[in-house]
Amino acid sequence: MYFIFYTSEGVMENKKYQVFVSSTYVDLIDARKKIIETVLSLYHFPVGMEMFSADDSEQWDIIKETIDASDYYVIIIGHKYGSVSKDGISYTEMEYNYAKSLNIPVLAFIRGRDVLTKPHERESDPQKEKQLNAFIEKAKANKMCDFWETIDELATKVAIALPKVMRRNPRTGWVRGDQVASKEITAELAELSNENRKLREKIREYESQLHSDAPQLELSMIDNDLTLTVDAESTYQEYLPQLCKEAVPLELKDTITTDEIESYNSSLPTDKEVDLYNKKMRLHCNYKNNAITVSPVLRNNGRTFASNVYVEIDFPEFLIVLKGSNEDFFIKEPKLKIPESPISKHKKRLSALMSLENFRMGIFDETSIAIAKPHFEVPAIINRIADLGTVNQDVWVMKEDHKITLRAKKVLQSLTVEYEEIVIIPLTIGTGVINFKIICEQLKEPVVFSRQVTVTAS
């Protein structure tokens, strides 16, 4: 038995995905068979609608339910439009539209238009041919679209594209039922762990009261269990497909040269560069939207001073503490250089020429152009970081990625020491503890306590 399993950590090794394979049937039967074999070779579940009749309205409900349960949608488009519903739209296009409406990742593979075909593989109805061409233009606008000529080439491209989209856009998927922990057991263990932690802290508090002549150090920084949010996993920049001659609009085919296309394709950022950019953007956005600032204050409630005080604070790995050497990495928004496509360049050129011709013909009236002054707003958290002052040698803060060490040379009884602000940034979803340890020359045992921290998706 399998259960649906949600995760934010990407594609799990033992997770299986359901892939819906869509196409017209008779003309692409061999291609469908090859793609189903390819999906199986990747250890995922292919599903198709070969067993359903195209003119049965009840079967269309079943098709929709199957797409609802699918994680990814692969469509193969050949030279036939396929069976048409009573609404005048082919069932293949209806499946495509429905998958897009659910925001299911769609991978479109269009057969080359100049490929030799058999009579039964090509559309003979002029109306259907017109609808097919419109459908192809719609599919070409999809961000994940590619072209193929042979069935082996199609299988290779599917085998490469599917793992990429699964890694970049992980979905619900399926795992074995015995790999999913019981929610009740998990909740009970968390509650018992929390109670145990509070009891240990209470015992240490009572023990410290027995040593009335020793300093009683108390850190005010994170006084309760902490709950933070992190931006949901998202893709800020999709992979950029290479431009092919077939994608050039008819009116520009004689204008855009092969050299321009090759130059544009060679300038596109690689998938690896896009992945790195998306990772940096997620870190930057979490810093900007979800970071918190804390101001540590150390108090001595005892009857004697404390000297050479050190406070060590360890954070779980899904949190990071901002320090000078990595501050710019978070503050500066990352950039990805994307060249302008030849299609866009030539369309602008044509538009400019038309505007010039219209101006020459006296079409335009008098116009004025107003240039607005740019408005920039510096995020408040960046201002806070910029205003942080230096600390003297008696009181200082040392920050590492997941650890802070606070130091005070001397803390007199009944007085406090205030430290500089510290920025804590959530990186990923997680649950853990922040561990605190206070030591000084006068204490025989360190003061130890912890706080529960939970990071959830916003």
Protein backbone atom coordinates (compact mmCIF):
# COMPACT_ATOMS: atom_id res chain seq x y z
CA MET A 1 0.00 0.00 0.00
CA TYR A 2 1.16 3.57 -0.73
CA PHE A 3 0.24 6.84 0.98
CA ILE A 4 0.51 10.38 -0.34
CA PHE A 5 3.53 12.05 1.29
CA TYR A 6 4.34 15.77 1.37
CA THR A 7 7.91 17.05 1.65
CA SER A 8 9.81 20.29 0.97
CA GLU A 9 13.21 18.68 0.58
CA GLY A 10 12.99 17.85 -3.11
CA VAL A 11 12.75 14.49 -4.88
CA MET A 12 13.19 11.62 -2.45
CA GLU A 13 15.09 8.57 -3.60
CA ASN A 14 12.19 6.23 -2.76
CA LYS A 15 9.41 8.52 -3.94
CA LYS A 16 7.44 7.55 -7.03
CA TYR A 17 5.58 10.00 -9.26
CA GLN A 18 2.53 9.48 -11.46
CA VAL A 19 3.12 10.77 -15.01
CA PHE A 20 0.13 11.28 -17.30
CA VAL A 21 1.03 10.60 -20.97
CA SER A 22 -1.29 12.33 -23.45
CA SER A 23 -1.42 12.24 -27.27
CA THR A 24 -3.59 11.27 -30.18
CA TYR A 25 -3.67 7.49 -30.35
CA VAL A 26 -3.53 5.85 -33.80
CA ASP A 27 -0.78 8.01 -35.33
CA LEU A 28 1.43 8.03 -32.20
CA ILE A 29 0.82 4.55 -30.78
CA ASP A 30 4.51 3.57 -31.05
CA ALA A 31 5.65 6.88 -29.56
CA ARG A 32 3.26 6.47 -26.61
CA LYS A 33 4.51 2.94 -25.99
CA LYS A 34 8.13 4.15 -26.01
CA ILE A 35 7.42 7.00 -23.57
CA ILE A 36 5.54 4.69 -21.19
CA GLU A 37 8.59 2.38 -21.23
CA THR A 38 10.84 5.39 -20.59
CA VAL A 39 8.81 6.51 -17.57
CA LEU A 40 8.89 2.97 -16.19
CA SER A 41 12.67 2.85 -16.68
CA LEU A 42 12.88 5.95 -14.46
CA TYR A 43 10.97 3.98 -11.76
CA HIS A 44 7.81 6.11 -11.94
CA PHE A 45 4.16 5.36 -12.83
CA PRO A 46 2.94 6.20 -16.36
CA VAL A 47 -0.81 6.47 -16.95
CA GLY A 48 -2.69 6.93 -20.21
CA MET A 49 -6.22 6.90 -21.51
CA GLU A 50 -6.02 4.08 -24.07
CA MET A 51 -8.73 2.15 -22.23
CA PHE A 52 -11.31 4.97 -22.35
CA SER A 53 -13.62 5.71 -25.26
CA ALA A 54 -13.32 9.28 -26.52
CA ASP A 55 -17.04 9.99 -26.88
CA ASP A 56 -18.16 8.90 -23.42
CA SER A 57 -18.84 11.86 -21.12
CA GLU A 58 -18.48 9.66 -18.03
CA GLN A 59 -15.03 8.61 -19.20
CA TRP A 60 -14.05 12.28 -19.41
CA ASP A 61 -14.80 12.53 -15.68
CA ILE A 62 -12.48 9.57 -15.10
CA ILE A 63 -9.81 11.24 -17.23
CA LYS A 64 -10.04 14.38 -15.11
CA GLU A 65 -9.80 12.36 -11.90
CA THR A 66 -6.70 10.62 -13.25
CA ILE A 67 -5.07 13.96 -14.15
CA ASP A 68 -6.01 15.26 -10.68
CA ALA A 69 -4.01 12.41 -9.16
CA SER A 70 -1.02 12.85 -11.49
CA ASP A 71 2.16 14.72 -10.54
CA TYR A 72 3.39 15.56 -14.06
CA TYR A 73 1.82 15.76 -17.51
CA VAL A 74 3.63 14.79 -20.74
CA ILE A 75 1.95 15.60 -24.05
CA ILE A 76 3.15 14.34 -27.45
CA ILE A 77 1.85 16.27 -30.46
CA GLY A 78 2.13 14.84 -33.94
CA HIS A 79 0.39 15.77 -37.19
CA LYS A 80 -3.20 14.84 -36.25
CA TYR A 81 -5.63 16.83 -34.12
CA GLY A 82 -7.55 13.79 -32.88
CA SER A 83 -11.14 13.05 -31.92
CA VAL A 84 -13.25 16.15 -31.30
CA SER A 85 -15.73 16.55 -28.43
CA LYS A 86 -19.19 18.06 -28.75
CA ASP A 87 -17.60 21.42 -27.86
CA GLY A 88 -15.48 21.29 -31.01
CA ILE A 89 -12.17 20.74 -29.15
CA SER A 90 -10.09 17.58 -29.37
CA TYR A 91 -9.88 15.45 -26.24
CA THR A 92 -6.10 15.75 -26.33
CA GLU A 93 -6.33 19.55 -26.16
CA MET A 94 -9.00 19.28 -23.43
CA GLU A 95 -6.60 17.15 -21.36
CA TYR A 96 -3.83 19.71 -21.91
CA ASN A 97 -6.06 22.63 -20.89
CA TYR A 98 -7.24 20.80 -17.78
CA ALA A 99 -3.68 19.95 -16.66
CA LYS A 100 -2.63 23.59 -17.14
CA SER A 101 -5.61 24.79 -15.08
CA LEU A 102 -4.40 22.63 -12.17
CA ASN A 103 -0.86 24.06 -12.42
CA ILE A 104 0.52 20.58 -13.02
CA PRO A 105 4.01 20.80 -14.60
CA VAL A 106 3.50 20.20 -18.34
CA LEU A 107 6.20 18.91 -20.70
CA ALA A 108 5.26 19.32 -24.37
CA PHE A 109 7.05 17.44 -27.17
CA ILE A 110 6.09 18.51 -30.71
CA ARG A 111 6.99 16.46 -33.74
CA GLY A 112 8.94 18.37 -36.41
CA ARG A 113 6.63 19.78 -39.03
CA ASP A 114 8.90 18.73 -41.95
CA VAL A 115 9.14 15.07 -40.92
CA LEU A 116 7.94 12.55 -43.51
CA THR A 117 4.70 10.91 -42.40
CA LYS A 118 2.35 8.19 -43.58
CA PRO A 119 -1.14 9.14 -44.78
CA HIS A 120 -2.82 7.98 -41.55
CA GLU A 121 -0.38 10.07 -39.51
CA ARG A 122 -1.29 13.43 -41.08
CA GLU A 123 -4.49 15.47 -40.70
CA SER A 124 -6.61 15.58 -43.86
CA ASP A 125 -9.47 17.73 -42.56
CA PRO A 126 -8.66 21.45 -43.24
CA GLN A 127 -10.64 22.59 -40.18
CA LYS A 128 -8.85 20.13 -37.90
CA GLU A 129 -5.50 21.10 -39.43
CA LYS A 130 -6.23 24.74 -38.57
CA GLN A 131 -7.13 23.76 -34.99
CA LEU A 132 -3.98 21.62 -34.76
CA ASN A 133 -1.76 24.54 -35.77
CA ALA A 134 -3.40 26.76 -33.15
CA PHE A 135 -2.92 24.03 -30.54
CA ILE A 136 0.77 23.73 -31.46
CA GLU A 137 1.25 27.48 -31.01
CA LYS A 138 -0.36 27.21 -27.57
CA ALA A 139 1.92 24.30 -26.61
CA LYS A 140 5.02 26.12 -27.91
CA ALA A 141 4.29 28.91 -25.44
CA ASN A 142 4.74 26.37 -22.64
CA LYS A 143 7.99 26.91 -20.73
CA MET A 144 8.96 23.24 -21.08
CA CYS A 145 8.60 22.54 -24.78
CA ASP A 146 10.87 20.63 -27.18
CA PHE A 147 10.78 19.19 -30.70
CA TRP A 148 11.47 15.66 -31.92
CA GLU A 149 11.69 13.73 -35.19
CA THR A 150 12.35 10.08 -34.33
CA ILE A 151 10.85 8.00 -31.54
CA ASP A 152 14.30 7.30 -30.07
CA GLU A 153 15.06 11.02 -30.00
CA LEU A 154 11.72 11.62 -28.25
CA ALA A 155 12.47 8.98 -25.61
CA THR A 156 15.91 10.49 -24.94
CA LYS A 157 14.49 13.98 -24.49
CA VAL A 158 11.77 12.75 -22.13
CA ALA A 159 14.35 10.79 -20.09
CA ILE A 160 16.42 13.97 -19.68
CA ALA A 161 13.57 16.45 -19.11
CA LEU A 162 11.53 14.50 -16.54
CA PRO A 163 14.25 14.17 -13.85
CA LYS A 164 15.08 17.86 -14.29
CA VAL A 165 11.53 19.05 -13.69
CA MET A 166 11.13 16.58 -10.80
CA ARG A 167 14.23 17.99 -9.15
CA ARG A 168 13.27 21.61 -9.80
CA ASN A 169 9.57 21.26 -8.99
CA PRO A 170 9.02 18.33 -6.60
CA ARG A 171 5.43 17.16 -6.24
CA THR A 172 3.38 15.09 -3.80
CA GLY A 173 4.27 11.65 -5.16
CA TRP A 174 3.93 8.28 -3.43
CA VAL A 175 5.95 6.37 -0.82
CA ARG A 176 5.44 3.08 0.98
CA GLY A 177 3.00 3.21 3.86
CA ASP A 178 5.52 1.76 6.33
CA GLN A 179 7.84 4.73 5.68
CA VAL A 180 5.36 7.32 6.95
CA ALA A 181 5.47 7.96 10.69
CA SER A 182 2.21 8.04 12.62
CA LYS A 183 1.11 11.62 13.31
CA GLU A 184 -0.12 10.64 16.77
CA ILE A 185 3.22 9.08 17.75
CA THR A 186 5.17 12.05 16.42
CA ALA A 187 3.00 14.54 18.32
CA GLU A 188 3.24 12.53 21.55
CA LEU A 189 7.05 12.27 21.33
CA ALA A 190 7.31 16.02 20.72
CA GLU A 191 5.10 16.77 23.73
CA LEU A 192 7.09 14.44 26.03
CA SER A 193 10.38 15.91 24.85
CA ASN A 194 9.12 19.43 25.53
CA GLU A 195 7.94 18.49 29.06
CA ASN A 196 11.27 16.80 29.79
CA ARG A 197 13.19 19.89 28.70
CA LYS A 198 11.12 22.18 30.94
CA LEU A 199 11.63 19.88 33.95
CA ARG A 200 15.42 19.87 33.43
CA GLU A 201 15.44 23.66 33.29
CA LYS A 202 13.39 23.85 36.52
CA ILE A 203 15.83 21.53 38.30
CA ARG A 204 18.78 23.66 37.22
CA GLU A 205 16.96 26.78 38.43
CA TYR A 206 16.44 25.25 41.90
CA GLU A 207 20.04 24.06 42.04
CA SER A 208 21.35 27.53 41.18
CA GLN A 209 19.32 29.03 44.04
CA LEU A 210 21.26 26.85 46.49
CA HIS A 211 24.46 28.67 45.58
CA SER A 212 23.39 32.09 46.83
CA ASP A 213 26.93 33.48 46.91
CA ALA A 214 27.53 32.73 43.24
CA PRO A 215 26.47 35.00 40.37
CA GLN A 216 23.01 34.29 39.04
CA LEU A 217 23.28 34.96 35.32
CA GLU A 218 20.19 35.24 33.17
CA LEU A 219 20.13 35.81 29.40
CA SER A 220 17.16 37.61 27.86
CA MET A 221 17.11 37.03 24.11
CA ILE A 222 14.66 34.33 23.09
CA ASP A 223 12.43 34.02 26.13
CA ASN A 224 9.92 31.52 24.73
CA ASP A 225 9.76 28.79 22.14
CA LEU A 226 10.22 30.31 18.70
CA THR A 227 8.11 29.90 15.57
CA LEU A 228 9.34 31.28 12.25
CA THR A 229 8.14 31.05 8.68
CA VAL A 230 10.03 30.46 5.47
CA ASP A 231 8.88 31.24 1.95
CA ALA A 232 7.32 28.26 0.19
CA GLU A 233 9.55 26.50 -2.30
CA SER A 234 9.26 28.37 -5.55
CA THR A 235 11.09 28.83 -8.82
CA TYR A 236 12.04 32.42 -9.56
CA GLN A 237 13.45 31.64 -13.00
CA GLU A 238 12.51 28.70 -15.18
CA TYR A 239 15.06 26.94 -17.37
CA LEU A 240 15.48 28.82 -20.64
CA PRO A 241 14.89 26.67 -23.72
CA GLN A 242 17.10 27.21 -26.72
CA LEU A 243 15.59 28.99 -29.69
CA CYS A 244 15.04 26.93 -32.81
CA LYS A 245 14.21 28.05 -36.33
CA GLU A 246 10.74 26.51 -36.09
CA ALA A 247 9.85 28.83 -33.22
CA VAL A 248 10.57 31.98 -35.24
CA PRO A 249 7.36 33.75 -36.39
CA LEU A 250 6.66 33.51 -40.08
CA GLU A 251 7.09 37.25 -40.64
CA LEU A 252 10.64 37.12 -39.20
CA LYS A 253 11.95 33.88 -40.75
CA ASP A 254 13.73 35.76 -43.54
CA THR A 255 15.05 38.40 -41.14
CA ILE A 256 16.55 36.40 -38.28
CA THR A 257 19.73 34.59 -39.32
CA THR A 258 21.07 31.27 -38.13
CA ASP A 259 24.10 33.07 -36.65
CA GLU A 260 21.81 35.23 -34.52
CA ILE A 261 20.00 32.15 -33.20
CA GLU A 262 23.27 30.34 -32.43
CA SER A 263 24.71 33.44 -30.73
CA TYR A 264 21.57 33.79 -28.59
CA ASN A 265 21.57 30.10 -27.62
CA SER A 266 25.26 30.19 -26.64
CA SER A 267 24.59 33.21 -24.39
CA LEU A 268 21.72 31.58 -22.47
CA PRO A 269 22.49 30.66 -18.85
CA THR A 270 22.88 26.93 -18.25
CA ASP A 271 20.46 24.90 -16.13
CA LYS A 272 23.14 24.79 -13.42
CA GLU A 273 23.42 28.59 -13.44
CA VAL A 274 19.61 28.90 -13.21
CA ASP A 275 19.55 26.45 -10.27
CA LEU A 276 22.23 28.48 -8.46
CA TYR A 277 20.33 31.72 -9.12
CA ASN A 278 17.08 30.24 -7.73
CA LYS A 279 18.93 29.04 -4.61
CA LYS A 280 20.44 32.50 -4.03
CA MET A 281 17.04 34.14 -4.58
CA ARG A 282 15.41 31.88 -1.99
CA LEU A 283 18.11 32.82 0.54
CA HIS A 284 17.76 36.51 -0.30
CA CYS A 285 13.95 36.45 -0.02
CA ASN A 286 14.05 34.59 3.29
CA TYR A 287 16.50 37.18 4.60
CA LYS A 288 14.30 40.04 3.41
CA ASN A 289 10.89 38.60 4.39
CA ASN A 290 11.40 36.19 7.28
CA ALA A 291 14.53 37.17 9.25
CA ILE A 292 14.12 38.32 12.85
CA THR A 293 16.35 40.58 14.93
CA VAL A 294 17.08 39.83 18.59
CA SER A 295 18.89 41.97 21.19
CA PRO A 296 20.69 39.83 23.80
CA VAL A 297 20.72 41.22 27.36
CA LEU A 298 22.73 39.51 30.12
CA ARG A 299 21.66 40.11 33.74
CA ASN A 300 23.42 39.27 36.99
CA ASN A 301 20.75 38.72 39.68
CA GLY A 302 23.24 37.35 42.23
CA ARG A 303 25.04 38.89 45.18
CA THR A 304 28.51 38.90 43.62
CA PHE A 305 30.04 39.90 40.30
CA ALA A 306 30.75 37.54 37.41
CA SER A 307 34.01 37.73 35.47
CA ASN A 308 35.05 36.36 32.08
CA VAL A 309 31.49 35.50 31.14
CA TYR A 310 30.93 33.50 27.96
CA VAL A 311 27.53 32.69 26.50
CA GLU A 312 27.51 30.04 23.76
CA ILE A 313 24.36 29.74 21.64
CA ASP A 314 24.03 26.87 19.15
CA PHE A 315 21.37 27.02 16.44
CA PRO A 316 20.01 24.11 14.35
CA GLU A 317 21.27 23.87 10.78
CA PHE A 318 18.02 25.20 9.28
CA LEU A 319 18.80 28.61 10.86
CA ILE A 320 21.72 30.91 10.09
CA VAL A 321 23.10 33.84 12.06
CA LEU A 322 24.09 36.88 10.02
CA LYS A 323 27.72 37.97 10.24
CA GLY A 324 29.85 40.49 8.38
CA SER A 325 31.50 38.10 5.94
CA ASN A 326 28.21 36.78 4.51
CA GLU A 327 26.06 39.88 4.96
CA ASP A 328 26.38 41.03 1.33
CA PHE A 329 25.41 37.57 0.10
CA PHE A 330 21.97 37.98 1.68
CA ILE A 331 21.41 41.72 1.25
CA LYS A 332 22.23 42.03 -2.45
CA GLU A 333 19.58 40.63 -4.77
CA PRO A 334 21.22 38.07 -7.09
CA LYS A 335 21.22 38.72 -10.81
CA LEU A 336 20.99 36.37 -13.77
CA LYS A 337 22.10 37.66 -17.15
CA ILE A 338 19.52 36.69 -19.77
CA PRO A 339 20.16 37.83 -23.34
CA GLU A 340 17.38 39.40 -25.36
CA SER A 341 16.04 36.99 -27.96
CA PRO A 342 16.45 37.79 -31.66
CA ILE A 343 12.65 37.64 -31.99
CA SER A 344 12.22 40.43 -29.44
CA LYS A 345 15.01 42.50 -30.99
CA HIS A 346 13.57 42.31 -34.49
CA LYS A 347 10.02 43.00 -33.30
CA LYS A 348 11.27 46.14 -31.56
CA ARG A 349 13.10 47.14 -34.72
CA LEU A 350 9.97 46.63 -36.82
CA SER A 351 7.93 48.61 -34.31
CA ALA A 352 10.45 51.45 -34.40
CA LEU A 353 10.41 51.52 -38.19
CA MET A 354 6.61 51.60 -38.22
CA SER A 355 6.58 54.42 -35.67
CA LEU A 356 9.07 56.37 -37.77
CA GLU A 357 6.97 55.85 -40.88
CA ASN A 358 3.82 56.91 -39.05
CA PHE A 359 5.59 60.02 -37.81
CA ARG A 360 6.74 60.80 -41.33
CA MET A 361 3.19 60.46 -42.61
CA GLY A 362 1.98 62.93 -39.99
CA ILE A 363 -0.18 60.45 -38.08
CA PHE A 364 0.98 61.50 -34.62
CA ASP A 365 -0.35 64.59 -32.83
CA GLU A 366 1.80 66.63 -30.51
CA THR A 367 2.86 64.52 -27.57
CA SER A 368 4.93 64.99 -24.49
CA ILE A 369 6.98 62.48 -22.60
CA ALA A 370 7.25 62.63 -18.82
CA ILE A 371 10.12 60.80 -17.15
CA ALA A 372 9.22 59.79 -13.63
CA LYS A 373 11.83 59.97 -10.96
CA PRO A 374 12.78 56.52 -9.72
CA HIS A 375 11.62 55.67 -6.24
CA PHE A 376 13.77 53.41 -4.13
CA GLU A 377 12.96 52.15 -0.67
CA VAL A 378 15.73 50.58 1.36
CA PRO A 379 14.41 47.63 3.39
CA ALA A 380 14.28 48.42 7.09
CA ILE A 381 16.32 45.38 8.06
CA ILE A 382 19.20 46.55 5.84
CA ASN A 383 19.13 49.94 7.56
CA ARG A 384 19.35 48.20 10.91
CA ILE A 385 22.37 46.20 9.78
CA ALA A 386 24.06 49.34 8.44
CA ASP A 387 23.52 51.15 11.76
CA LEU A 388 25.10 48.45 13.93
CA GLY A 389 27.89 50.02 15.96
CA THR A 390 31.18 48.50 17.04
CA VAL A 391 31.51 47.04 20.52
CA ASN A 392 34.34 47.62 22.99
CA GLN A 393 36.85 45.03 24.07
CA ASP A 394 35.04 44.26 27.33
CA VAL A 395 31.81 43.20 25.60
CA TRP A 396 31.75 41.54 22.18
CA VAL A 397 29.82 39.17 19.94
CA MET A 398 31.39 36.51 17.72
CA LYS A 399 29.08 35.06 15.07
CA GLU A 400 29.40 31.90 13.02
CA ASP A 401 26.87 30.42 10.59
CA HIS A 402 25.03 28.39 13.25
CA LYS A 403 26.61 29.62 16.48
CA ILE A 404 26.97 32.81 18.56
CA THR A 405 29.44 33.45 21.37
CA LEU A 406 28.74 36.43 23.64
CA ARG A 407 31.44 37.66 25.98
CA ALA A 408 31.51 40.07 28.92
CA LYS A 409 34.71 40.75 30.84
CA LYS A 410 32.85 41.61 34.04
CA VAL A 411 29.18 41.84 35.07
CA LEU A 412 28.55 43.46 38.44
CA GLN A 413 25.74 42.25 40.66
CA SER A 414 22.27 43.66 39.87
CA LEU A 415 23.54 45.10 36.55
CA THR A 416 22.95 44.18 32.90
CA VAL A 417 25.02 44.01 29.73
CA GLU A 418 23.40 44.78 26.36
CA TYR A 419 24.85 43.29 23.19
CA GLU A 420 24.53 44.30 19.56
CA GLU A 421 21.54 43.11 17.56
CA ILE A 422 21.74 39.71 15.89
CA VAL A 423 19.83 38.70 12.75
CA ILE A 424 18.48 35.13 12.56
CA ILE A 425 17.45 33.83 9.14
CA PRO A 426 15.36 30.67 8.53
CA LEU A 427 16.66 28.59 5.64
CA THR A 428 14.29 25.62 5.39
CA ILE A 429 11.36 24.01 7.16
CA GLY A 430 12.43 22.22 10.32
CA THR A 431 11.99 21.59 14.04
CA GLY A 432 14.83 21.67 16.56
CA VAL A 433 16.26 23.39 19.62
CA ILE A 434 18.45 26.42 20.27
CA ASN A 435 20.91 25.48 23.03
CA PHE A 436 22.29 28.08 25.47
CA LYS A 437 25.29 27.67 27.80
CA ILE A 438 26.51 30.38 30.22
CA ILE A 439 29.89 30.02 31.95
CA CYS A 440 32.07 32.28 34.10
CA GLU A 441 34.96 31.94 36.53
CA GLN A 442 32.72 31.92 39.62
CA LEU A 443 30.33 29.17 38.47
CA LYS A 444 31.24 25.55 39.18
CA GLU A 445 28.76 24.30 36.57
CA PRO A 446 27.54 26.08 33.43
CA VAL A 447 23.99 27.38 33.22
CA VAL A 448 22.35 25.39 30.42
CA PHE A 449 18.90 25.78 28.88
CA SER A 450 17.23 25.55 25.46
CA ARG A 451 14.34 26.84 23.40
CA GLN A 452 12.24 24.93 20.89
CA VAL A 453 12.27 26.43 17.39
CA THR A 454 9.94 25.55 14.53
CA VAL A 455 10.10 26.83 10.96
CA THR A 456 6.99 26.36 8.82
CA ALA A 457 6.09 27.36 5.26
CA SER A 458 4.42 30.73 4.92
